[in-house]
């Protein structure tokens, strides 16, 4: 078994080497994952971290590391978030040894939810399953140039939305959330954050598309530039809050809406689109697969019970 101890400044370069290795492997397996890594920036982030980082050693060789960022939700619940650059391991036993100490620390801090974003490959995600984690979300990307011109069904049109459509955006968000609470998702949805929605719609970089039929709004999509994230390509547009009224589904509305947004994004210099969906939402998973999205990451969760 490896020796587990806390990371020191002298260990940081070895940790960065491990992150760079895993990101390079991920990029070789999936072209939508960018292999570029600012080593100096990552090293500085580890040296400045207040949260502890555990490392696993076999002799002098680093064989794994684990850390997390704790974030509070609007409900007040606190989660420990493990990003792809916050963990490395040679095998499930090493990961188990690291998580045994890290998880104990998080529980002692009152952190009940443990969340992991992992590369969507069996050798990366499956070890987490053995530790009791479950898959909750999948993230994927597509190349915008592969989408053609929109083909609208008769009677539908896309118009730009704005903050004046706040009540409409709230309605569609509530519709999407209500569907997520049904089986097989059975999702635990927190109340919509109206302030966050206002901030999104007022952002000049946000594109809010509303589809109308007979003068009535029946679908929406929100798009905005993806913030710089390690492993993501530049010039990526994030798609979110994509929803079509149930009575208008199956007519090609969502595809046409997204194709028009893709054409606009290409005209603005974007090359890729990024989207996240709940894996138990089988309709969403089927749609994004048919639309041409390639999975890149999975989000895993374990909810530990504190006695």
C-alpha atoms as a PDB file:
ATOM      1  CA  UNK A   1       0.000   0.000   0.000  1.00  0.00           C
ATOM      2  CA  UNK A   2       1.253   3.527  -0.729  1.00  0.00           C
ATOM      3  CA  UNK A   3       2.202   5.977   1.978  1.00  0.00           C
ATOM      4  CA  UNK A   4      -0.317   8.828   2.293  1.00  0.00           C
ATOM      5  CA  UNK A   5       0.668  12.215   3.654  1.00  0.00           C
ATOM      6  CA  UNK A   6      -0.084  15.899   3.164  1.00  0.00           C
ATOM      7  CA  UNK A   7       1.448  17.697   0.201  1.00  0.00           C
ATOM      8  CA  UNK A   8       4.332  20.094   0.830  1.00  0.00           C
ATOM      9  CA  UNK A   9       5.716  22.796  -1.504  1.00  0.00           C
ATOM     10  CA  UNK A  10       8.457  20.375  -2.525  1.00  0.00           C
ATOM     11  CA  UNK A  11       5.782  17.963  -3.851  1.00  0.00           C
ATOM     12  CA  UNK A  12       3.988  20.462  -6.085  1.00  0.00           C
ATOM     13  CA  UNK A  13       6.018  19.845  -9.244  1.00  0.00           C
ATOM     14  CA  UNK A  14       5.330  16.114  -9.035  1.00  0.00           C
ATOM     15  CA  UNK A  15       1.604  16.837  -8.640  1.00  0.00           C
ATOM     16  CA  UNK A  16       1.661  19.114 -11.693  1.00  0.00           C
ATOM     17  CA  UNK A  17       3.461  16.369 -13.638  1.00  0.00           C
ATOM     18  CA  UNK A  18       0.672  13.936 -12.742  1.00  0.00           C
ATOM     19  CA  UNK A  19      -2.057  16.392 -13.795  1.00  0.00           C
ATOM     20  CA  UNK A  20      -0.270  17.136 -17.087  1.00  0.00           C
ATOM     21  CA  UNK A  21       0.112  13.403 -17.777  1.00  0.00           C
ATOM     22  CA  UNK A  22      -3.567  12.676 -17.183  1.00  0.00           C
ATOM     23  CA  UNK A  23      -4.721  15.665 -19.235  1.00  0.00           C
ATOM     24  CA  UNK A  24      -2.441  14.645 -22.109  1.00  0.00           C
ATOM     25  CA  UNK A  25      -3.835  11.096 -22.032  1.00  0.00           C
ATOM     26  CA  UNK A  26      -7.377  12.456 -21.977  1.00  0.00           C
ATOM     27  CA  UNK A  27      -6.665  14.665 -24.984  1.00  0.00           C
ATOM     28  CA  UNK A  28      -5.171  11.757 -26.912  1.00  0.00           C
ATOM     29  CA  UNK A  29      -8.340   9.757 -26.287  1.00  0.00           C
ATOM     30  CA  UNK A  30     -10.766  12.637 -26.933  1.00  0.00           C
ATOM     31  CA  UNK A  31      -9.998  15.562 -29.251  1.00  0.00           C
ATOM     32  CA  UNK A  32     -12.512  17.780 -27.442  1.00  0.00           C
ATOM     33  CA  UNK A  33     -10.225  17.850 -24.377  1.00  0.00           C
ATOM     34  CA  UNK A  34      -7.414  20.377 -24.750  1.00  0.00           C
ATOM     35  CA  UNK A  35      -3.980  19.112 -23.702  1.00  0.00           C
ATOM     36  CA  UNK A  36      -2.593  22.601 -23.065  1.00  0.00           C
ATOM     37  CA  UNK A  37      -1.728  23.292 -19.450  1.00  0.00           C
ATOM     38  CA  UNK A  38      -0.251  26.383 -17.815  1.00  0.00           C
ATOM     39  CA  UNK A  39       2.074  24.592 -15.440  1.00  0.00           C
ATOM     40  CA  UNK A  40       3.138  27.744 -13.605  1.00  0.00           C
ATOM     41  CA  UNK A  41      -0.466  28.756 -12.963  1.00  0.00           C
ATOM     42  CA  UNK A  42      -1.413  25.279 -11.716  1.00  0.00           C
ATOM     43  CA  UNK A  43       1.674  25.087  -9.498  1.00  0.00           C
ATOM     44  CA  UNK A  44       0.857  28.487  -8.009  1.00  0.00           C
ATOM     45  CA  UNK A  45      -2.725  27.382  -7.308  1.00  0.00           C
ATOM     46  CA  UNK A  46      -1.452  24.364  -5.368  1.00  0.00           C
ATOM     47  CA  UNK A  47       1.094  26.392  -3.411  1.00  0.00           C
ATOM     48  CA  UNK A  48      -1.595  28.946  -2.484  1.00  0.00           C
ATOM     49  CA  UNK A  49      -4.303  26.422  -1.578  1.00  0.00           C
ATOM     50  CA  UNK A  50      -5.783  26.648   1.891  1.00  0.00           C
ATOM     51  CA  UNK A  51      -7.532  23.310   1.530  1.00  0.00           C
ATOM     52  CA  UNK A  52      -5.299  20.310   2.243  1.00  0.00           C
ATOM     53  CA  UNK A  53      -3.925  18.135  -0.554  1.00  0.00           C
ATOM     54  CA  UNK A  54      -3.058  14.502   0.145  1.00  0.00           C
ATOM     55  CA  UNK A  55      -0.436  12.652  -1.878  1.00  0.00           C
ATOM     56  CA  UNK A  56       0.283   8.931  -2.253  1.00  0.00           C
ATOM     57  CA  UNK A  57       3.892   7.766  -2.477  1.00  0.00           C
ATOM     58  CA  UNK A  58       5.561   4.503  -3.320  1.00  0.00           C
ATOM     59  CA  UNK A  59       9.062   5.160  -2.135  1.00  0.00           C
ATOM     60  CA  UNK A  60       9.895   8.585  -3.543  1.00  0.00           C
ATOM     61  CA  UNK A  61       7.504   8.249  -6.513  1.00  0.00           C
ATOM     62  CA  UNK A  62       4.161  10.060  -6.442  1.00  0.00           C
ATOM     63  CA  UNK A  63       1.385   7.669  -7.464  1.00  0.00           C
ATOM     64  CA  UNK A  64      -1.621   9.837  -6.646  1.00  0.00           C
ATOM     65  CA  UNK A  65      -3.008  12.992  -5.095  1.00  0.00           C
ATOM     66  CA  UNK A  66      -6.394  14.313  -4.006  1.00  0.00           C
ATOM     67  CA  UNK A  67      -7.801  17.657  -2.947  1.00  0.00           C
ATOM     68  CA  UNK A  68     -11.115  19.501  -3.237  1.00  0.00           C
ATOM     69  CA  UNK A  69     -12.699  22.932  -3.254  1.00  0.00           C
ATOM     70  CA  UNK A  70     -15.631  23.408  -0.876  1.00  0.00           C
ATOM     71  CA  UNK A  71     -18.573  25.367  -2.233  1.00  0.00           C
ATOM     72  CA  UNK A  72     -21.836  26.405  -0.590  1.00  0.00           C
ATOM     73  CA  UNK A  73     -25.164  26.042  -2.406  1.00  0.00           C
ATOM     74  CA  UNK A  74     -28.019  28.557  -2.123  1.00  0.00           C
ATOM     75  CA  UNK A  75     -29.706  26.124   0.291  1.00  0.00           C
ATOM     76  CA  UNK A  76     -26.703  26.392   2.605  1.00  0.00           C
ATOM     77  CA  UNK A  77     -25.451  22.843   1.976  1.00  0.00           C
ATOM     78  CA  UNK A  78     -21.699  22.621   1.415  1.00  0.00           C
ATOM     79  CA  UNK A  79     -20.108  20.318  -1.167  1.00  0.00           C
ATOM     80  CA  UNK A  80     -16.528  19.188  -1.732  1.00  0.00           C
ATOM     81  CA  UNK A  81     -15.728  19.483  -5.454  1.00  0.00           C
ATOM     82  CA  UNK A  82     -12.949  17.434  -7.030  1.00  0.00           C
ATOM     83  CA  UNK A  83     -12.007  18.671 -10.515  1.00  0.00           C
ATOM     84  CA  UNK A  84      -9.942  16.638 -13.011  1.00  0.00           C
ATOM     85  CA  UNK A  85      -6.795  18.522 -11.990  1.00  0.00           C
ATOM     86  CA  UNK A  86      -7.472  17.882  -8.286  1.00  0.00           C
ATOM     87  CA  UNK A  87      -6.888  14.137  -8.403  1.00  0.00           C
ATOM     88  CA  UNK A  88      -4.594  11.507  -9.875  1.00  0.00           C
ATOM     89  CA  UNK A  89      -4.146   7.824  -9.066  1.00  0.00           C
ATOM     90  CA  UNK A  90      -2.454   4.743 -10.456  1.00  0.00           C
ATOM     91  CA  UNK A  91      -5.163   2.302  -9.342  1.00  0.00           C
ATOM     92  CA  UNK A  92      -8.361   2.031  -7.318  1.00  0.00           C
ATOM     93  CA  UNK A  93      -6.471   0.996  -4.155  1.00  0.00           C
ATOM     94  CA  UNK A  94      -4.455   4.214  -4.274  1.00  0.00           C
ATOM     95  CA  UNK A  95      -7.582   6.289  -4.831  1.00  0.00           C
ATOM     96  CA  UNK A  96      -9.276   4.470  -1.950  1.00  0.00           C
ATOM     97  CA  UNK A  97      -6.393   5.251   0.396  1.00  0.00           C
ATOM     98  CA  UNK A  98      -6.452   8.922  -0.584  1.00  0.00           C
ATOM     99  CA  UNK A  99     -10.234   9.226  -0.295  1.00  0.00           C
ATOM    100  CA  UNK A 100     -10.270   7.507   3.086  1.00  0.00           C
ATOM    101  CA  UNK A 101      -8.301  10.411   4.578  1.00  0.00           C
ATOM    102  CA  UNK A 102      -9.746  13.210   2.444  1.00  0.00           C
ATOM    103  CA  UNK A 103     -13.341  12.075   2.957  1.00  0.00           C
ATOM    104  CA  UNK A 104     -12.824  11.793   6.710  1.00  0.00           C
ATOM    105  CA  UNK A 105     -11.518  15.365   6.739  1.00  0.00           C
ATOM    106  CA  UNK A 106     -14.459  16.659   4.676  1.00  0.00           C
ATOM    107  CA  UNK A 107     -16.962  14.929   6.953  1.00  0.00           C
ATOM    108  CA  UNK A 108     -15.265  16.433  10.007  1.00  0.00           C
ATOM    109  CA  UNK A 109     -15.731  19.830   8.344  1.00  0.00           C
ATOM    110  CA  UNK A 110     -19.446  19.123   7.906  1.00  0.00           C
ATOM    111  CA  UNK A 111     -19.211  18.536   4.150  1.00  0.00           C
ATOM    112  CA  UNK A 112     -21.805  15.904   3.309  1.00  0.00           C
ATOM    113  CA  UNK A 113     -21.834  16.002  -0.500  1.00  0.00           C
ATOM    114  CA  UNK A 114     -18.724  14.841  -2.327  1.00  0.00           C
ATOM    115  CA  UNK A 115     -18.736  15.756  -6.046  1.00  0.00           C
ATOM    116  CA  UNK A 116     -16.238  14.678  -8.704  1.00  0.00           C
ATOM    117  CA  UNK A 117     -15.771  15.828 -12.303  1.00  0.00           C
ATOM    118  CA  UNK A 118     -13.838  13.060 -14.067  1.00  0.00           C
ATOM    119  CA  UNK A 119     -12.747  12.302 -17.590  1.00  0.00           C
ATOM    120  CA  UNK A 120     -15.428  10.175 -19.227  1.00  0.00           C
ATOM    121  CA  UNK A 121     -13.333   7.015 -19.549  1.00  0.00           C
ATOM    122  CA  UNK A 122     -13.852   3.694 -17.736  1.00  0.00           C
ATOM    123  CA  UNK A 123     -10.343   3.658 -16.243  1.00  0.00           C
ATOM    124  CA  UNK A 124     -10.939   7.108 -14.702  1.00  0.00           C
ATOM    125  CA  UNK A 125     -14.590   7.015 -13.646  1.00  0.00           C
ATOM    126  CA  UNK A 126     -15.076   3.348 -12.659  1.00  0.00           C
ATOM    127  CA  UNK A 127     -12.746   3.439  -9.621  1.00  0.00           C
ATOM    128  CA  UNK A 128     -15.029   6.094  -8.140  1.00  0.00           C
ATOM    129  CA  UNK A 129     -17.993   3.740  -8.578  1.00  0.00           C
ATOM    130  CA  UNK A 130     -16.174   1.173  -6.448  1.00  0.00           C
ATOM    131  CA  UNK A 131     -15.943   3.783  -3.696  1.00  0.00           C
ATOM    132  CA  UNK A 132     -19.705   4.309  -3.687  1.00  0.00           C
ATOM    133  CA  UNK A 133     -20.038   7.243  -6.077  1.00  0.00           C
ATOM    134  CA  UNK A 134     -22.880   7.415  -8.598  1.00  0.00           C
ATOM    135  CA  UNK A 135     -22.972   9.132 -11.966  1.00  0.00           C
ATOM    136  CA  UNK A 136     -25.211  12.196 -12.028  1.00  0.00           C
ATOM    137  CA  UNK A 137     -24.295  14.330 -15.041  1.00  0.00           C
ATOM    138  CA  UNK A 138     -22.470  14.030 -18.325  1.00  0.00           C
ATOM    139  CA  UNK A 139     -20.743  16.864 -20.137  1.00  0.00           C
ATOM    140  CA  UNK A 140     -19.969  16.902 -23.840  1.00  0.00           C
ATOM    141  CA  UNK A 141     -18.818  19.002 -26.771  1.00  0.00           C
ATOM    142  CA  UNK A 142     -19.361  19.313 -30.487  1.00  0.00           C
ATOM    143  CA  UNK A 143     -17.657  21.095 -33.349  1.00  0.00           C
ATOM    144  CA  UNK A 144     -19.923  23.884 -34.589  1.00  0.00           C
ATOM    145  CA  UNK A 145     -18.699  23.540 -38.185  1.00  0.00           C
ATOM    146  CA  UNK A 146     -20.349  20.106 -38.318  1.00  0.00           C
ATOM    147  CA  UNK A 147     -23.818  21.616 -37.922  1.00  0.00           C
ATOM    148  CA  UNK A 148     -25.667  22.705 -41.060  1.00  0.00           C
ATOM    149  CA  UNK A 149     -28.135  25.486 -41.741  1.00  0.00           C
ATOM    150  CA  UNK A 150     -31.279  25.398 -39.571  1.00  0.00           C
ATOM    151  CA  UNK A 151     -34.322  23.685 -41.065  1.00  0.00           C
ATOM    152  CA  UNK A 152     -37.351  25.133 -39.340  1.00  0.00           C
ATOM    153  CA  UNK A 153     -40.685  23.319 -39.299  1.00  0.00           C
ATOM    154  CA  UNK A 154     -43.488  25.459 -40.718  1.00  0.00           C
ATOM    155  CA  UNK A 155     -44.852  28.140 -38.415  1.00  0.00           C
ATOM    156  CA  UNK A 156     -41.868  28.403 -36.045  1.00  0.00           C
ATOM    157  CA  UNK A 157     -39.375  31.221 -35.717  1.00  0.00           C
ATOM    158  CA  UNK A 158     -36.529  32.167 -33.384  1.00  0.00           C
ATOM    159  CA  UNK A 159     -36.348  35.630 -31.879  1.00  0.00           C
ATOM    160  CA  UNK A 160     -33.763  37.168 -29.550  1.00  0.00           C
ATOM    161  CA  UNK A 161     -34.853  37.340 -25.926  1.00  0.00           C
ATOM    162  CA  UNK A 162     -33.792  39.793 -23.233  1.00  0.00           C
ATOM    163  CA  UNK A 163     -34.256  40.681 -19.581  1.00  0.00           C
ATOM    164  CA  UNK A 164     -37.812  41.725 -20.466  1.00  0.00           C
ATOM    165  CA  UNK A 165     -38.492  38.001 -20.913  1.00  0.00           C
ATOM    166  CA  UNK A 166     -37.504  37.219 -17.318  1.00  0.00           C
ATOM    167  CA  UNK A 167     -40.895  35.732 -16.431  1.00  0.00           C
ATOM    168  CA  UNK A 168     -40.763  33.566 -19.550  1.00  0.00           C
ATOM    169  CA  UNK A 169     -37.256  32.350 -18.721  1.00  0.00           C
ATOM    170  CA  UNK A 170     -38.397  31.614 -15.170  1.00  0.00           C
ATOM    171  CA  UNK A 171     -41.356  29.620 -16.501  1.00  0.00           C
ATOM    172  CA  UNK A 172     -39.173  27.492 -18.768  1.00  0.00           C
ATOM    173  CA  UNK A 173     -36.617  26.951 -15.994  1.00  0.00           C
ATOM    174  CA  UNK A 174     -39.384  25.752 -13.677  1.00  0.00           C
ATOM    175  CA  UNK A 175     -40.716  23.462 -16.432  1.00  0.00           C
ATOM    176  CA  UNK A 176     -37.281  21.929 -16.898  1.00  0.00           C
ATOM    177  CA  UNK A 177     -36.805  21.515 -13.140  1.00  0.00           C
ATOM    178  CA  UNK A 178     -40.239  19.925 -12.713  1.00  0.00           C
ATOM    179  CA  UNK A 179     -39.438  17.320 -15.363  1.00  0.00           C
ATOM    180  CA  UNK A 180     -36.111  16.539 -13.684  1.00  0.00           C
ATOM    181  CA  UNK A 181     -37.917  15.653 -10.442  1.00  0.00           C
ATOM    182  CA  UNK A 182     -39.845  12.872 -12.209  1.00  0.00           C
ATOM    183  CA  UNK A 183     -38.571   9.354 -12.702  1.00  0.00           C
ATOM    184  CA  UNK A 184     -36.165   8.015 -13.638  1.00  0.00           C
ATOM    185  CA  UNK A 185     -34.195  11.121 -12.584  1.00  0.00           C
ATOM    186  CA  UNK A 186     -35.945  11.757  -9.233  1.00  0.00           C
ATOM    187  CA  UNK A 187     -33.662  14.791  -8.969  1.00  0.00           C
ATOM    188  CA  UNK A 188     -33.552  16.913  -5.852  1.00  0.00           C
ATOM    189  CA  UNK A 189     -33.961  20.377  -7.378  1.00  0.00           C
ATOM    190  CA  UNK A 190     -33.301  23.544  -5.413  1.00  0.00           C
ATOM    191  CA  UNK A 191     -35.634  26.521  -6.025  1.00  0.00           C
ATOM    192  CA  UNK A 192     -34.621  28.599  -9.084  1.00  0.00           C
ATOM    193  CA  UNK A 193     -32.130  31.329  -8.274  1.00  0.00           C
ATOM    194  CA  UNK A 194     -33.919  34.349  -9.744  1.00  0.00           C
ATOM    195  CA  UNK A 195     -30.983  36.677  -9.090  1.00  0.00           C
ATOM    196  CA  UNK A 196     -28.678  34.342 -11.031  1.00  0.00           C
ATOM    197  CA  UNK A 197     -31.141  34.226 -13.926  1.00  0.00           C
ATOM    198  CA  UNK A 198     -31.348  38.031 -13.950  1.00  0.00           C
ATOM    199  CA  UNK A 199     -27.545  38.249 -13.990  1.00  0.00           C
ATOM    200  CA  UNK A 200     -27.388  35.800 -16.901  1.00  0.00           C
ATOM    201  CA  UNK A 201     -29.992  37.603 -19.019  1.00  0.00           C
ATOM    202  CA  UNK A 202     -28.446  41.020 -18.343  1.00  0.00           C
ATOM    203  CA  UNK A 203     -24.953  39.848 -19.308  1.00  0.00           C
ATOM    204  CA  UNK A 204     -24.116  41.383 -22.723  1.00  0.00           C
ATOM    205  CA  UNK A 205     -22.342  38.153 -23.706  1.00  0.00           C
ATOM    206  CA  UNK A 206     -25.467  36.048 -23.169  1.00  0.00           C
ATOM    207  CA  UNK A 207     -27.607  35.012 -26.119  1.00  0.00           C
ATOM    208  CA  UNK A 208     -31.164  34.172 -25.108  1.00  0.00           C
ATOM    209  CA  UNK A 209     -33.121  32.549 -27.930  1.00  0.00           C
ATOM    210  CA  UNK A 210     -36.911  32.182 -27.783  1.00  0.00           C
ATOM    211  CA  UNK A 211     -38.891  30.120 -30.294  1.00  0.00           C
ATOM    212  CA  UNK A 212     -42.411  31.255 -31.077  1.00  0.00           C
ATOM    213  CA  UNK A 213     -45.290  29.475 -32.788  1.00  0.00           C
ATOM    214  CA  UNK A 214     -48.416  31.406 -33.637  1.00  0.00           C
ATOM    215  CA  UNK A 215     -47.101  34.323 -31.601  1.00  0.00           C
ATOM    216  CA  UNK A 216     -46.675  32.230 -28.440  1.00  0.00           C
ATOM    217  CA  UNK A 217     -43.299  31.276 -26.912  1.00  0.00           C
ATOM    218  CA  UNK A 218     -42.811  27.497 -26.926  1.00  0.00           C
ATOM    219  CA  UNK A 219     -39.053  26.931 -26.479  1.00  0.00           C
ATOM    220  CA  UNK A 220     -35.843  28.563 -25.307  1.00  0.00           C
ATOM    221  CA  UNK A 221     -32.074  28.161 -25.183  1.00  0.00           C
ATOM    222  CA  UNK A 222     -29.393  30.199 -23.434  1.00  0.00           C
ATOM    223  CA  UNK A 223     -25.844  30.452 -24.768  1.00  0.00           C
ATOM    224  CA  UNK A 224     -22.775  32.264 -23.467  1.00  0.00           C
ATOM    225  CA  UNK A 225     -18.991  32.011 -23.810  1.00  0.00           C
ATOM    226  CA  UNK A 226     -17.488  29.256 -21.676  1.00  0.00           C
ATOM    227  CA  UNK A 227     -15.149  30.692 -19.073  1.00  0.00           C
ATOM    228  CA  UNK A 228     -11.545  29.492 -19.308  1.00  0.00           C
ATOM    229  CA  UNK A 229     -11.372  25.993 -17.812  1.00  0.00           C
ATOM    230  CA  UNK A 230      -8.391  23.638 -17.856  1.00  0.00           C
ATOM    231  CA  UNK A 231      -8.951  21.019 -20.524  1.00  0.00           C
ATOM    232  CA  UNK A 232     -11.475  23.058 -22.527  1.00  0.00           C
ATOM    233  CA  UNK A 233     -10.687  24.577 -25.893  1.00  0.00           C
ATOM    234  CA  UNK A 234     -10.757  28.319 -26.426  1.00  0.00           C
ATOM    235  CA  UNK A 235     -13.657  29.771 -28.448  1.00  0.00           C
ATOM    236  CA  UNK A 236     -16.215  27.447 -26.850  1.00  0.00           C
ATOM    237  CA  UNK A 237     -19.854  28.440 -26.417  1.00  0.00           C
ATOM    238  CA  UNK A 238     -21.812  26.916 -23.520  1.00  0.00           C
ATOM    239  CA  UNK A 239     -25.436  25.898 -24.133  1.00  0.00           C
ATOM    240  CA  UNK A 240     -27.865  25.725 -21.232  1.00  0.00           C
ATOM    241  CA  UNK A 241     -31.540  25.825 -20.248  1.00  0.00           C
ATOM    242  CA  UNK A 242     -32.584  24.166 -23.518  1.00  0.00           C
ATOM    243  CA  UNK A 243     -36.259  23.280 -23.250  1.00  0.00           C
ATOM    244  CA  UNK A 244     -39.227  22.830 -25.600  1.00  0.00           C
ATOM    245  CA  UNK A 245     -42.846  22.840 -24.470  1.00  0.00           C
ATOM    246  CA  UNK A 246     -43.998  19.195 -24.361  1.00  0.00           C
ATOM    247  CA  UNK A 247     -46.801  19.811 -26.872  1.00  0.00           C
ATOM    248  CA  UNK A 248     -44.263  20.890 -29.527  1.00  0.00           C
ATOM    249  CA  UNK A 249     -41.647  18.175 -29.098  1.00  0.00           C
ATOM    250  CA  UNK A 250     -40.747  15.694 -31.794  1.00  0.00           C
ATOM    251  CA  UNK A 251     -41.044  18.279 -34.607  1.00  0.00           C
ATOM    252  CA  UNK A 252     -37.402  19.284 -34.950  1.00  0.00           C
ATOM    253  CA  UNK A 253     -37.803  22.543 -33.019  1.00  0.00           C
ATOM    254  CA  UNK A 254     -34.856  21.999 -30.652  1.00  0.00           C
ATOM    255  CA  UNK A 255     -32.545  20.971 -33.498  1.00  0.00           C
ATOM    256  CA  UNK A 256     -33.458  24.013 -35.593  1.00  0.00           C
ATOM    257  CA  UNK A 257     -33.112  26.337 -32.593  1.00  0.00           C
ATOM    258  CA  UNK A 258     -29.670  25.005 -31.729  1.00  0.00           C
ATOM    259  CA  UNK A 259     -28.527  24.992 -35.355  1.00  0.00           C
ATOM    260  CA  UNK A 260     -29.418  28.670 -35.644  1.00  0.00           C
ATOM    261  CA  UNK A 261     -27.529  29.447 -32.436  1.00  0.00           C
ATOM    262  CA  UNK A 262     -24.591  27.402 -33.767  1.00  0.00           C
ATOM    263  CA  UNK A 263     -24.567  29.437 -36.990  1.00  0.00           C
ATOM    264  CA  UNK A 264     -24.573  32.657 -34.989  1.00  0.00           C
ATOM    265  CA  UNK A 265     -21.766  31.374 -32.734  1.00  0.00           C
ATOM    266  CA  UNK A 266     -19.632  30.477 -35.777  1.00  0.00           C
ATOM    267  CA  UNK A 267     -20.124  33.987 -37.132  1.00  0.00           C
ATOM    268  CA  UNK A 268     -18.800  35.325 -33.827  1.00  0.00           C
ATOM    269  CA  UNK A 269     -15.639  33.224 -33.981  1.00  0.00           C
ATOM    270  CA  UNK A 270     -16.662  30.256 -31.821  1.00  0.00           C
ATOM    271  CA  UNK A 271     -15.510  26.781 -32.870  1.00  0.00           C
ATOM    272  CA  UNK A 272     -17.102  24.522 -30.254  1.00  0.00           C
ATOM    273  CA  UNK A 273     -20.212  24.169 -28.126  1.00  0.00           C
ATOM    274  CA  UNK A 274     -20.326  22.645 -24.664  1.00  0.00           C
ATOM    275  CA  UNK A 275     -23.361  21.221 -22.854  1.00  0.00           C
ATOM    276  CA  UNK A 276     -24.157  19.336 -19.629  1.00  0.00           C
ATOM    277  CA  UNK A 277     -27.124  17.058 -18.998  1.00  0.00           C
ATOM    278  CA  UNK A 278     -28.404  14.765 -16.244  1.00  0.00           C
ATOM    279  CA  UNK A 279     -27.603  11.161 -17.196  1.00  0.00           C
ATOM    280  CA  UNK A 280     -30.888   9.814 -15.814  1.00  0.00           C
ATOM    281  CA  UNK A 281     -32.773  12.207 -18.112  1.00  0.00           C
ATOM    282  CA  UNK A 282     -32.902   9.643 -20.898  1.00  0.00           C
ATOM    283  CA  UNK A 283     -34.683  11.957 -23.339  1.00  0.00           C
ATOM    284  CA  UNK A 284     -31.986  14.604 -22.958  1.00  0.00           C
ATOM    285  CA  UNK A 285     -29.207  12.023 -23.247  1.00  0.00           C
ATOM    286  CA  UNK A 286     -30.766  10.620 -26.435  1.00  0.00           C
ATOM    287  CA  UNK A 287     -31.214  14.083 -27.949  1.00  0.00           C
ATOM    288  CA  UNK A 288     -27.664  15.273 -27.312  1.00  0.00           C
ATOM    289  CA  UNK A 289     -26.243  12.016 -28.652  1.00  0.00           C
ATOM    290  CA  UNK A 290     -28.332  12.373 -31.835  1.00  0.00           C
ATOM    291  CA  UNK A 291     -27.314  16.024 -32.134  1.00  0.00           C
ATOM    292  CA  UNK A 292     -23.670  14.982 -32.365  1.00  0.00           C
ATOM    293  CA  UNK A 293     -22.337  15.747 -28.898  1.00  0.00           C
ATOM    294  CA  UNK A 294     -19.292  13.723 -27.800  1.00  0.00           C
ATOM    295  CA  UNK A 295     -19.096  13.042 -24.027  1.00  0.00           C
ATOM    296  CA  UNK A 296     -15.994  14.488 -22.367  1.00  0.00           C
ATOM    297  CA  UNK A 297     -16.570  14.434 -18.593  1.00  0.00           C
ATOM    298  CA  UNK A 298     -18.886  12.849 -16.046  1.00  0.00           C
ATOM    299  CA  UNK A 299     -19.987  14.293 -12.732  1.00  0.00           C
ATOM    300  CA  UNK A 300     -20.085  11.773  -9.907  1.00  0.00           C
ATOM    301  CA  UNK A 301     -21.592  12.235  -6.472  1.00  0.00           C
ATOM    302  CA  UNK A 302     -21.546  10.557  -3.108  1.00  0.00           C
ATOM    303  CA  UNK A 303     -23.765  11.836  -0.328  1.00  0.00           C
ATOM    304  CA  UNK A 304     -22.227  10.753   2.971  1.00  0.00           C
ATOM    305  CA  UNK A 305     -24.457  10.574   6.028  1.00  0.00           C
ATOM    306  CA  UNK A 306     -23.262  12.367   9.127  1.00  0.00           C
ATOM    307  CA  UNK A 307     -24.441  10.752  12.391  1.00  0.00           C
END
